[in-house]
């Protein structure tokens, strides 16, 4: 009976220690900023930028032809849509 208890104790100890060894093998990110997670109702940076670009283009619609083209070109340059 004591042989069985000794074997079971050694097996339990081996399993317990292997968990620590496995955790030590996983790489830990250091010095890397975590990616910002957006909330469900919050637009991402690219979606927000696209929305701002669309608003800038809508502002250009009420202008006359030469001013409108300058306004559209400025919006494209600002938001990198060219």
C-alpha atoms as a PDB file:
ATOM      1  CA  UNK A   1       0.000   0.000   0.000  1.00  0.00           C
ATOM      2  CA  UNK A   2       2.809   2.435   0.817  1.00  0.00           C
ATOM      3  CA  UNK A   3       4.331   1.739  -2.606  1.00  0.00           C
ATOM      4  CA  UNK A   4       1.054   2.834  -4.273  1.00  0.00           C
ATOM      5  CA  UNK A   5       0.857   6.011  -2.179  1.00  0.00           C
ATOM      6  CA  UNK A   6       4.473   6.839  -3.003  1.00  0.00           C
ATOM      7  CA  UNK A   7       3.834   6.338  -6.730  1.00  0.00           C
ATOM      8  CA  UNK A   8       0.672   8.457  -6.656  1.00  0.00           C
ATOM      9  CA  UNK A   9       2.452  11.204  -4.703  1.00  0.00           C
ATOM     10  CA  UNK A  10       5.347  11.237  -7.167  1.00  0.00           C
ATOM     11  CA  UNK A  11       2.911  11.394 -10.109  1.00  0.00           C
ATOM     12  CA  UNK A  12       0.952  14.262  -8.536  1.00  0.00           C
ATOM     13  CA  UNK A  13       4.179  16.142  -7.818  1.00  0.00           C
ATOM     14  CA  UNK A  14       5.378  15.623 -11.397  1.00  0.00           C
ATOM     15  CA  UNK A  15       2.095  16.941 -12.828  1.00  0.00           C
ATOM     16  CA  UNK A  16       2.122  19.947 -10.501  1.00  0.00           C
ATOM     17  CA  UNK A  17       5.681  20.906 -11.430  1.00  0.00           C
ATOM     18  CA  UNK A  18       5.126  20.419 -15.157  1.00  0.00           C
ATOM     19  CA  UNK A  19       2.459  23.140 -15.053  1.00  0.00           C
ATOM     20  CA  UNK A  20       5.016  25.649 -13.775  1.00  0.00           C
ATOM     21  CA  UNK A  21       7.547  24.554 -16.375  1.00  0.00           C
ATOM     22  CA  UNK A  22       4.985  24.970 -19.152  1.00  0.00           C
ATOM     23  CA  UNK A  23       4.027  28.453 -17.947  1.00  0.00           C
ATOM     24  CA  UNK A  24       7.686  29.463 -17.872  1.00  0.00           C
ATOM     25  CA  UNK A  25       8.097  28.475 -21.552  1.00  0.00           C
ATOM     26  CA  UNK A  26       5.411  30.860 -22.833  1.00  0.00           C
ATOM     27  CA  UNK A  27       6.870  34.146 -24.103  1.00  0.00           C
ATOM     28  CA  UNK A  28       5.903  37.226 -22.143  1.00  0.00           C
ATOM     29  CA  UNK A  29       5.548  40.453 -24.150  1.00  0.00           C
ATOM     30  CA  UNK A  30       7.696  43.143 -22.603  1.00  0.00           C
ATOM     31  CA  UNK A  31       7.791  46.773 -23.568  1.00  0.00           C
ATOM     32  CA  UNK A  32       5.119  46.374 -26.209  1.00  0.00           C
ATOM     33  CA  UNK A  33       2.072  48.592 -25.828  1.00  0.00           C
ATOM     34  CA  UNK A  34      -1.204  46.763 -25.782  1.00  0.00           C
ATOM     35  CA  UNK A  35      -3.467  47.368 -28.726  1.00  0.00           C
ATOM     36  CA  UNK A  36      -6.249  49.698 -27.786  1.00  0.00           C
ATOM     37  CA  UNK A  37      -9.514  47.879 -27.725  1.00  0.00           C
ATOM     38  CA  UNK A  38     -12.555  49.775 -28.859  1.00  0.00           C
ATOM     39  CA  UNK A  39     -15.850  49.520 -27.082  1.00  0.00           C
ATOM     40  CA  UNK A  40     -18.827  48.227 -29.102  1.00  0.00           C
ATOM     41  CA  UNK A  41     -20.275  51.725 -29.597  1.00  0.00           C
ATOM     42  CA  UNK A  42     -16.907  53.363 -30.273  1.00  0.00           C
ATOM     43  CA  UNK A  43     -15.532  53.620 -33.845  1.00  0.00           C
ATOM     44  CA  UNK A  44     -11.977  52.515 -34.554  1.00  0.00           C
ATOM     45  CA  UNK A  45      -9.312  55.040 -35.556  1.00  0.00           C
ATOM     46  CA  UNK A  46      -9.646  54.259 -39.262  1.00  0.00           C
ATOM     47  CA  UNK A  47     -13.430  54.456 -39.143  1.00  0.00           C
ATOM     48  CA  UNK A  48     -13.233  57.756 -37.288  1.00  0.00           C
ATOM     49  CA  UNK A  49     -10.742  59.122 -39.811  1.00  0.00           C
ATOM     50  CA  UNK A  50     -12.964  58.016 -42.707  1.00  0.00           C
ATOM     51  CA  UNK A  51     -15.925  59.699 -41.044  1.00  0.00           C
ATOM     52  CA  UNK A  52     -13.959  62.950 -40.646  1.00  0.00           C
ATOM     53  CA  UNK A  53     -12.951  62.749 -44.321  1.00  0.00           C
ATOM     54  CA  UNK A  54     -16.581  62.357 -45.401  1.00  0.00           C
ATOM     55  CA  UNK A  55     -17.579  65.367 -43.265  1.00  0.00           C
ATOM     56  CA  UNK A  56     -14.809  67.452 -44.854  1.00  0.00           C
ATOM     57  CA  UNK A  57     -16.061  66.479 -48.334  1.00  0.00           C
ATOM     58  CA  UNK A  58     -19.629  67.418 -47.433  1.00  0.00           C
ATOM     59  CA  UNK A  59     -18.420  70.863 -46.376  1.00  0.00           C
ATOM     60  CA  UNK A  60     -16.963  71.308 -49.857  1.00  0.00           C
ATOM     61  CA  UNK A  61     -20.278  70.627 -51.629  1.00  0.00           C
ATOM     62  CA  UNK A  62     -21.728  74.092 -51.006  1.00  0.00           C
ATOM     63  CA  UNK A  63     -18.749  75.897 -52.597  1.00  0.00           C
ATOM     64  CA  UNK A  64     -18.442  77.093 -56.204  1.00  0.00           C
ATOM     65  CA  UNK A  65     -16.541  74.951 -58.748  1.00  0.00           C
ATOM     66  CA  UNK A  66     -12.952  76.304 -58.384  1.00  0.00           C
ATOM     67  CA  UNK A  67     -13.208  76.630 -54.591  1.00  0.00           C
ATOM     68  CA  UNK A  68     -14.877  73.242 -54.359  1.00  0.00           C
ATOM     69  CA  UNK A  69     -12.002  71.544 -56.179  1.00  0.00           C
ATOM     70  CA  UNK A  70      -9.453  73.236 -53.904  1.00  0.00           C
ATOM     71  CA  UNK A  71     -11.467  72.158 -50.870  1.00  0.00           C
ATOM     72  CA  UNK A  72     -11.689  68.543 -52.083  1.00  0.00           C
ATOM     73  CA  UNK A  73      -7.954  68.460 -52.866  1.00  0.00           C
ATOM     74  CA  UNK A  74      -7.150  69.837 -49.404  1.00  0.00           C
ATOM     75  CA  UNK A  75      -9.369  67.215 -47.744  1.00  0.00           C
ATOM     76  CA  UNK A  76      -7.750  64.422 -49.773  1.00  0.00           C
ATOM     77  CA  UNK A  77      -4.290  65.662 -48.854  1.00  0.00           C
ATOM     78  CA  UNK A  78      -5.158  66.009 -45.160  1.00  0.00           C
ATOM     79  CA  UNK A  79      -6.722  62.568 -44.842  1.00  0.00           C
ATOM     80  CA  UNK A  80      -4.396  60.760 -47.274  1.00  0.00           C
ATOM     81  CA  UNK A  81      -7.073  59.749 -49.753  1.00  0.00           C
ATOM     82  CA  UNK A  82      -5.178  60.723 -52.937  1.00  0.00           C
END
